[in-house]
């Protein structure tokens, strides 16, 4: 009886070890000698961020405090502690009439007393194409003084569930007072 239980435990341990080895090998994404490959997806669109006009899609909800000194007063219209929300169109191209592919919904908080640095929490909701009905969750520290800003994709829903990757954004045609157009490239792996 003891031999049977010992043999059963040994066989069970061997099966678990083999199963976990297969699982980890398949999920590691390496291509050196294994059969695993990493699938990457590239999404490209333009975000229309409108603070003015008849139908603004972004708004300053909570104004921050005044600059610490008069020397900072003229550097930016945004202030430390500003909170803005967005419900911006995502389109195929930069033109106003370009086909809509989704919506960028979220908020930013101005977190720097100097410069234009924001904490960003945003959902990219896909409304057309292969990923219609799915969304991506993007979080970041965004320094808008940089030509290219990098954000992290921390998850998703629908066909993009458990998404991981990054997004690169560039001001295409942007005015801090009125808003404008931001080009976004998303890379998922």
Protein backbone atom coordinates (compact mmCIF):
# COMPACT_ATOMS: atom_id res chain seq x y z
CA UNK A 1 0.00 0.00 0.00
CA UNK A 2 2.80 2.43 0.94
CA UNK A 3 4.58 1.62 -2.36
CA UNK A 4 1.40 2.37 -4.31
CA UNK A 5 0.95 5.77 -2.64
CA UNK A 6 4.65 6.62 -3.10
CA UNK A 7 4.49 5.61 -6.77
CA UNK A 8 1.30 7.63 -7.25
CA UNK A 9 2.86 10.72 -5.64
CA UNK A 10 6.01 10.33 -7.75
CA UNK A 11 4.02 10.03 -10.99
CA UNK A 12 1.82 13.02 -10.00
CA UNK A 13 4.90 15.14 -9.25
CA UNK A 14 6.45 14.19 -12.61
CA UNK A 15 3.25 15.14 -14.47
CA UNK A 16 3.03 18.51 -12.68
CA UNK A 17 6.68 19.24 -13.40
CA UNK A 18 6.26 18.38 -17.08
CA UNK A 19 3.07 20.45 -17.36
CA UNK A 20 4.62 23.52 -15.71
CA UNK A 21 7.72 23.22 -17.90
CA UNK A 22 5.56 23.21 -21.06
CA UNK A 23 3.49 26.16 -19.78
CA UNK A 24 6.48 28.34 -18.96
CA UNK A 25 8.33 27.46 -22.17
CA UNK A 26 5.31 28.37 -24.28
CA UNK A 27 4.72 31.68 -22.46
CA UNK A 28 8.26 33.04 -22.34
CA UNK A 29 8.21 34.46 -25.90
CA UNK A 30 11.74 33.33 -26.71
CA UNK A 31 12.59 32.22 -30.23
CA UNK A 32 16.02 30.71 -29.64
CA UNK A 33 15.52 27.03 -30.36
CA UNK A 34 11.93 26.85 -29.13
CA UNK A 35 8.74 26.91 -31.12
CA UNK A 36 7.34 29.93 -29.26
CA UNK A 37 6.95 33.20 -31.10
CA UNK A 38 5.88 36.59 -29.86
CA UNK A 39 2.99 38.11 -31.76
CA UNK A 40 3.12 41.89 -31.97
CA UNK A 41 0.30 44.22 -32.97
CA UNK A 42 0.74 47.81 -34.15
CA UNK A 43 -2.16 50.28 -33.95
CA UNK A 44 -1.89 53.78 -35.39
CA UNK A 45 -4.36 56.63 -35.05
CA UNK A 46 -4.81 60.33 -34.33
CA UNK A 47 -6.44 61.76 -31.21
CA UNK A 48 -8.44 64.98 -31.56
CA UNK A 49 -8.16 66.91 -28.28
CA UNK A 50 -10.52 69.93 -28.37
CA UNK A 51 -10.66 72.40 -25.44
CA UNK A 52 -12.61 75.05 -27.35
CA UNK A 53 -15.31 75.32 -30.01
CA UNK A 54 -18.96 74.31 -30.00
CA UNK A 55 -18.32 70.72 -28.81
CA UNK A 56 -15.18 70.51 -26.65
CA UNK A 57 -13.99 66.94 -26.01
CA UNK A 58 -11.57 67.84 -23.22
CA UNK A 59 -12.07 70.12 -20.24
CA UNK A 60 -10.14 71.51 -17.31
CA UNK A 61 -12.22 70.29 -14.34
CA UNK A 62 -10.09 71.37 -11.37
CA UNK A 63 -7.75 74.33 -11.71
CA UNK A 64 -4.41 73.95 -9.94
CA UNK A 65 -2.66 76.46 -7.78
CA UNK A 66 -0.85 79.54 -9.03
CA UNK A 67 2.84 79.25 -9.94
CA UNK A 68 5.31 79.43 -7.05
CA UNK A 69 7.00 82.56 -8.39
CA UNK A 70 6.35 85.30 -10.93
CA UNK A 71 9.24 83.93 -13.03
CA UNK A 72 7.09 80.86 -13.82
CA UNK A 73 3.89 82.81 -14.54
CA UNK A 74 4.37 83.13 -18.31
CA UNK A 75 5.75 79.67 -19.08
CA UNK A 76 2.48 77.74 -19.35
CA UNK A 77 -1.27 78.09 -19.15
CA UNK A 78 -1.40 74.88 -17.12
CA UNK A 79 -0.73 74.86 -13.39
CA UNK A 80 0.39 72.33 -10.79
CA UNK A 81 -2.66 70.33 -9.70
CA UNK A 82 -4.76 70.94 -12.84
CA UNK A 83 -7.10 68.03 -13.55
CA UNK A 84 -8.45 67.65 -17.07
CA UNK A 85 -10.79 65.02 -18.50
CA UNK A 86 -11.07 63.83 -22.10
CA UNK A 87 -13.49 62.07 -24.38
CA UNK A 88 -11.50 62.52 -27.61
CA UNK A 89 -12.11 61.02 -31.04
CA UNK A 90 -9.52 58.57 -32.42
CA UNK A 91 -9.35 58.67 -36.21
CA UNK A 92 -7.45 56.96 -39.04
CA UNK A 93 -5.91 60.22 -40.25
CA UNK A 94 -5.27 63.72 -38.90
CA UNK A 95 -8.04 65.42 -40.90
CA UNK A 96 -11.34 66.29 -39.21
CA UNK A 97 -13.34 64.18 -41.66
CA UNK A 98 -11.10 61.12 -41.30
CA UNK A 99 -12.95 57.90 -40.36
CA UNK A 100 -13.40 57.47 -36.62
CA UNK A 101 -11.93 54.27 -35.14
CA UNK A 102 -12.46 54.88 -31.42
CA UNK A 103 -12.48 57.18 -28.42
CA UNK A 104 -9.78 58.14 -25.90
CA UNK A 105 -11.41 58.51 -22.48
CA UNK A 106 -9.56 59.43 -19.33
CA UNK A 107 -7.94 62.17 -17.30
CA UNK A 108 -4.63 63.89 -16.67
CA UNK A 109 -3.29 65.52 -13.52
CA UNK A 110 -0.53 68.14 -13.73
CA UNK A 111 2.09 66.73 -11.33
CA UNK A 112 5.06 69.02 -11.89
CA UNK A 113 5.57 72.52 -10.56
CA UNK A 114 7.95 73.25 -13.44
CA UNK A 115 7.57 72.02 -16.98
CA UNK A 116 4.58 70.24 -18.48
CA UNK A 117 4.46 66.86 -16.78
CA UNK A 118 1.16 65.04 -16.30
CA UNK A 119 0.03 61.74 -14.82
CA UNK A 120 -2.20 60.10 -17.45
CA UNK A 121 -4.89 57.46 -17.07
CA UNK A 122 -6.62 56.70 -20.37
CA UNK A 123 -8.77 54.05 -22.03
CA UNK A 124 -8.51 53.68 -25.81
CA UNK A 125 -11.94 52.32 -26.77
CA UNK A 126 -11.95 50.71 -30.22
CA UNK A 127 -15.18 51.28 -32.17
CA UNK A 128 -14.28 50.06 -35.66
CA UNK A 129 -12.14 47.44 -37.33
CA UNK A 130 -10.66 44.21 -36.05
CA UNK A 131 -10.74 45.29 -32.38
CA UNK A 132 -14.21 46.95 -32.29
CA UNK A 133 -15.73 46.57 -28.83
CA UNK A 134 -12.32 46.16 -27.17
CA UNK A 135 -10.26 48.69 -25.24
CA UNK A 136 -6.73 49.32 -23.99
CA UNK A 137 -5.71 50.81 -20.64
CA UNK A 138 -2.81 53.28 -20.84
CA UNK A 139 -1.02 54.86 -17.86
CA UNK A 140 1.97 57.14 -17.87
CA UNK A 141 3.98 60.08 -16.75
CA UNK A 142 3.73 62.34 -19.79
CA UNK A 143 6.21 65.18 -20.33
CA UNK A 144 4.54 67.21 -23.07
CA UNK A 145 7.74 69.20 -23.62
CA UNK A 146 9.25 66.06 -25.22
CA UNK A 147 8.84 65.47 -28.96
CA UNK A 148 7.93 61.80 -28.40
CA UNK A 149 6.21 60.65 -25.22
CA UNK A 150 6.10 57.00 -24.12
CA UNK A 151 3.23 55.45 -22.15
CA UNK A 152 2.69 51.92 -20.90
CA UNK A 153 -0.23 49.70 -21.92
CA UNK A 154 -1.23 47.91 -18.72
CA UNK A 155 -4.24 45.91 -19.87
CA UNK A 156 -7.26 45.69 -22.08
CA UNK A 157 -10.70 44.24 -22.63
CA UNK A 158 -12.38 42.07 -25.26
CA UNK A 159 -9.98 40.90 -27.97
CA UNK A 160 -7.28 42.98 -26.26
CA UNK A 161 -7.73 41.36 -22.83
CA UNK A 162 -4.46 41.17 -20.85
CA UNK A 163 -2.74 43.41 -23.43
CA UNK A 164 0.80 44.58 -22.65
CA UNK A 165 2.95 47.01 -24.56
CA UNK A 166 3.61 50.68 -25.00
CA UNK A 167 2.31 53.74 -26.83
CA UNK A 168 4.31 56.54 -28.45
CA UNK A 169 2.59 59.89 -28.89
CA UNK A 170 3.65 63.00 -30.80
CA UNK A 171 2.00 66.39 -31.15
CA UNK A 172 0.85 66.51 -34.76
CA UNK A 173 -0.75 69.96 -34.64
CA UNK A 174 -1.25 71.14 -31.08
CA UNK A 175 -1.88 74.37 -29.18
CA UNK A 176 -2.00 74.03 -25.38
CA UNK A 177 -4.78 76.64 -25.10
CA UNK A 178 -7.12 75.17 -27.74
CA UNK A 179 -6.08 71.54 -28.04
CA UNK A 180 -5.27 69.87 -31.32
CA UNK A 181 -4.17 66.59 -32.81
CA UNK A 182 -1.88 63.96 -31.28
CA UNK A 183 -0.48 61.07 -33.35
CA UNK A 184 -0.41 57.77 -31.42
CA UNK A 185 1.36 54.51 -32.23
CA UNK A 186 0.54 51.54 -29.98
CA UNK A 187 2.73 48.42 -29.92
CA UNK A 188 1.32 45.31 -28.23
CA UNK A 189 3.18 42.08 -27.56
